[in-house]
N, C-alpha and C. Protein backbone atom coordinates (compact mmCIF):
# COMPACT_ATOMS: atom_id res chain seq x y z
N MET A 1 0.82 -1.19 0.00
CA MET A 1 0.00 0.00 0.00
C MET A 1 0.87 1.27 0.00
N GLY A 2 2.03 1.21 0.61
CA GLY A 2 2.90 2.37 0.66
C GLY A 2 3.35 2.81 -0.72
N LYS A 3 3.66 1.85 -1.60
CA LYS A 3 4.11 2.20 -2.94
C LYS A 3 2.99 2.86 -3.74
N ASP A 4 1.76 2.34 -3.61
CA ASP A 4 0.64 2.90 -4.35
C ASP A 4 0.37 4.35 -3.94
N SER A 5 0.39 4.61 -2.65
CA SER A 5 0.10 5.98 -2.20
C SER A 5 1.22 6.93 -2.64
N ASN A 6 2.47 6.47 -2.67
CA ASN A 6 3.57 7.31 -3.14
C ASN A 6 3.44 7.59 -4.62
N THR A 7 3.05 6.59 -5.39
CA THR A 7 2.88 6.75 -6.83
C THR A 7 1.78 7.75 -7.11
N GLN A 8 0.68 7.65 -6.41
CA GLN A 8 -0.43 8.58 -6.62
C GLN A 8 -0.01 10.00 -6.26
N HIS A 9 0.78 10.15 -5.22
CA HIS A 9 1.21 11.47 -4.80
C HIS A 9 2.11 12.11 -5.86
N LYS A 10 3.01 11.34 -6.44
CA LYS A 10 3.94 11.87 -7.43
C LYS A 10 3.25 12.15 -8.77
N ALA A 11 2.11 11.50 -9.01
CA ALA A 11 1.43 11.65 -10.29
C ALA A 11 0.57 12.92 -10.36
N THR A 12 0.54 13.72 -9.31
CA THR A 12 -0.28 14.93 -9.36
C THR A 12 0.29 15.89 -10.40
N ARG A 13 -0.59 16.66 -11.02
CA ARG A 13 -0.19 17.57 -12.08
C ARG A 13 0.67 18.70 -11.53
N GLN A 14 1.76 18.97 -12.22
CA GLN A 14 2.64 20.05 -11.78
C GLN A 14 2.19 21.37 -12.38
N HIS A 15 2.36 22.44 -11.64
CA HIS A 15 2.01 23.76 -12.13
C HIS A 15 3.10 24.23 -13.08
N PRO A 16 2.75 25.05 -14.07
CA PRO A 16 3.78 25.57 -14.96
C PRO A 16 4.74 26.46 -14.17
N PRO A 17 5.97 26.58 -14.63
CA PRO A 17 6.93 27.40 -13.88
C PRO A 17 6.50 28.86 -13.84
N THR A 18 6.79 29.52 -12.76
CA THR A 18 6.44 30.92 -12.59
C THR A 18 7.57 31.79 -13.11
N LYS A 19 7.24 32.77 -13.93
CA LYS A 19 8.26 33.68 -14.44
C LYS A 19 8.35 34.88 -13.51
N ILE A 20 9.56 35.22 -13.15
CA ILE A 20 9.78 36.38 -12.29
C ILE A 20 10.46 37.44 -13.15
N ILE A 21 9.84 38.60 -13.23
CA ILE A 21 10.41 39.69 -14.02
C ILE A 21 11.05 40.69 -13.06
N VAL A 22 12.32 40.94 -13.27
CA VAL A 22 13.05 41.88 -12.43
C VAL A 22 13.42 43.08 -13.28
N GLU A 23 13.01 44.25 -12.85
CA GLU A 23 13.31 45.47 -13.60
C GLU A 23 14.29 46.32 -12.81
N ARG A 24 15.18 46.94 -13.55
CA ARG A 24 16.10 47.86 -12.89
C ARG A 24 15.35 49.13 -12.53
N HIS A 25 15.64 49.67 -11.37
CA HIS A 25 14.95 50.88 -10.92
C HIS A 25 15.71 52.14 -11.29
N TYR A 26 16.90 51.99 -11.80
CA TYR A 26 17.70 53.14 -12.17
C TYR A 26 18.18 52.98 -13.60
N VAL A 27 18.14 54.07 -14.35
CA VAL A 27 18.73 54.10 -15.68
C VAL A 27 19.90 55.06 -15.58
N GLY A 28 21.08 54.54 -15.65
CA GLY A 28 22.25 55.38 -15.41
C GLY A 28 22.22 55.80 -13.95
N THR A 29 22.10 57.09 -13.73
CA THR A 29 22.07 57.57 -12.34
C THR A 29 20.69 58.10 -11.97
N GLU A 30 19.73 57.99 -12.90
CA GLU A 30 18.38 58.52 -12.62
C GLU A 30 17.44 57.41 -12.21
N LYS A 31 16.51 57.75 -11.33
CA LYS A 31 15.49 56.80 -10.93
C LYS A 31 14.58 56.51 -12.11
N MET A 32 14.10 55.28 -12.19
CA MET A 32 13.19 54.89 -13.27
C MET A 32 11.94 55.77 -13.27
N GLU A 33 11.48 56.13 -12.09
CA GLU A 33 10.28 56.97 -11.97
C GLU A 33 10.49 58.31 -12.68
N THR A 34 11.67 58.89 -12.52
CA THR A 34 11.99 60.16 -13.15
C THR A 34 11.99 60.01 -14.67
N VAL A 35 12.60 58.93 -15.14
CA VAL A 35 12.67 58.68 -16.58
C VAL A 35 11.26 58.49 -17.15
N CYS A 36 10.42 57.72 -16.46
CA CYS A 36 9.06 57.48 -16.93
C CYS A 36 8.26 58.78 -16.96
N LYS A 37 8.41 59.62 -15.96
CA LYS A 37 7.71 60.91 -15.93
C LYS A 37 8.12 61.76 -17.12
N ARG A 38 9.42 61.79 -17.41
CA ARG A 38 9.91 62.61 -18.52
C ARG A 38 9.35 62.09 -19.84
N ILE A 39 9.34 60.78 -20.02
CA ILE A 39 8.79 60.20 -21.26
C ILE A 39 7.31 60.54 -21.38
N ALA A 40 6.57 60.42 -20.29
CA ALA A 40 5.14 60.74 -20.31
C ALA A 40 4.92 62.21 -20.67
N GLU A 41 5.70 63.09 -20.08
CA GLU A 41 5.58 64.52 -20.38
C GLU A 41 5.87 64.80 -21.85
N GLU A 42 6.90 64.14 -22.39
CA GLU A 42 7.24 64.33 -23.80
C GLU A 42 6.09 63.86 -24.70
N GLN A 43 5.49 62.72 -24.36
CA GLN A 43 4.39 62.18 -25.16
C GLN A 43 3.17 63.11 -25.11
N ILE A 44 2.88 63.63 -23.93
CA ILE A 44 1.74 64.54 -23.77
C ILE A 44 1.97 65.81 -24.56
N THR A 45 3.17 66.37 -24.45
CA THR A 45 3.50 67.60 -25.18
C THR A 45 3.38 67.37 -26.69
N LYS A 46 3.89 66.23 -27.14
CA LYS A 46 3.82 65.90 -28.57
C LYS A 46 2.36 65.80 -29.04
N LYS A 47 1.53 65.15 -28.24
CA LYS A 47 0.12 64.99 -28.60
C LYS A 47 -0.60 66.34 -28.63
N ILE A 48 -0.30 67.20 -27.68
CA ILE A 48 -0.91 68.53 -27.64
C ILE A 48 -0.53 69.33 -28.89
N ARG A 49 0.74 69.24 -29.28
CA ARG A 49 1.18 69.94 -30.49
C ARG A 49 0.42 69.41 -31.72
N GLU A 50 0.29 68.09 -31.81
CA GLU A 50 -0.42 67.50 -32.95
C GLU A 50 -1.88 67.99 -33.00
N ILE A 51 -2.53 68.01 -31.85
CA ILE A 51 -3.92 68.47 -31.78
C ILE A 51 -4.03 69.95 -32.18
N ALA A 52 -3.08 70.76 -31.69
CA ALA A 52 -3.09 72.18 -32.00
C ALA A 52 -2.86 72.40 -33.50
N GLU A 53 -1.96 71.66 -34.10
CA GLU A 53 -1.70 71.77 -35.54
C GLU A 53 -2.90 71.34 -36.35
N ASN A 54 -3.55 70.27 -35.94
CA ASN A 54 -4.73 69.78 -36.66
C ASN A 54 -5.89 70.75 -36.55
N SER A 55 -6.06 71.38 -35.42
CA SER A 55 -7.17 72.31 -35.26
C SER A 55 -6.90 73.62 -36.00
N ALA A 56 -5.62 73.97 -36.17
CA ALA A 56 -5.26 75.18 -36.90
C ALA A 56 -5.50 74.98 -38.40
N ASN A 57 -5.37 73.78 -38.86
CA ASN A 57 -5.58 73.48 -40.30
C ASN A 57 -7.02 73.31 -40.51
C-alpha cells in the first residue's frame, strides 16, 4: 500500500513554472520613476502639439 500511495502522490499535475520579471529601478544615475515621468511629459506635449496643428488646419 505504501508504494501505491507514493505513486499517486507523485502523479499529481505540476504547475507551470512561474516567471519572475526583475526590472532595474535606475537608468544610469536617474530613478526609473523620473525617466518614466519625462517620457510621459514628452508624449503629452507631442500629442498637444499634434492636436493644435490639426485644429489650426
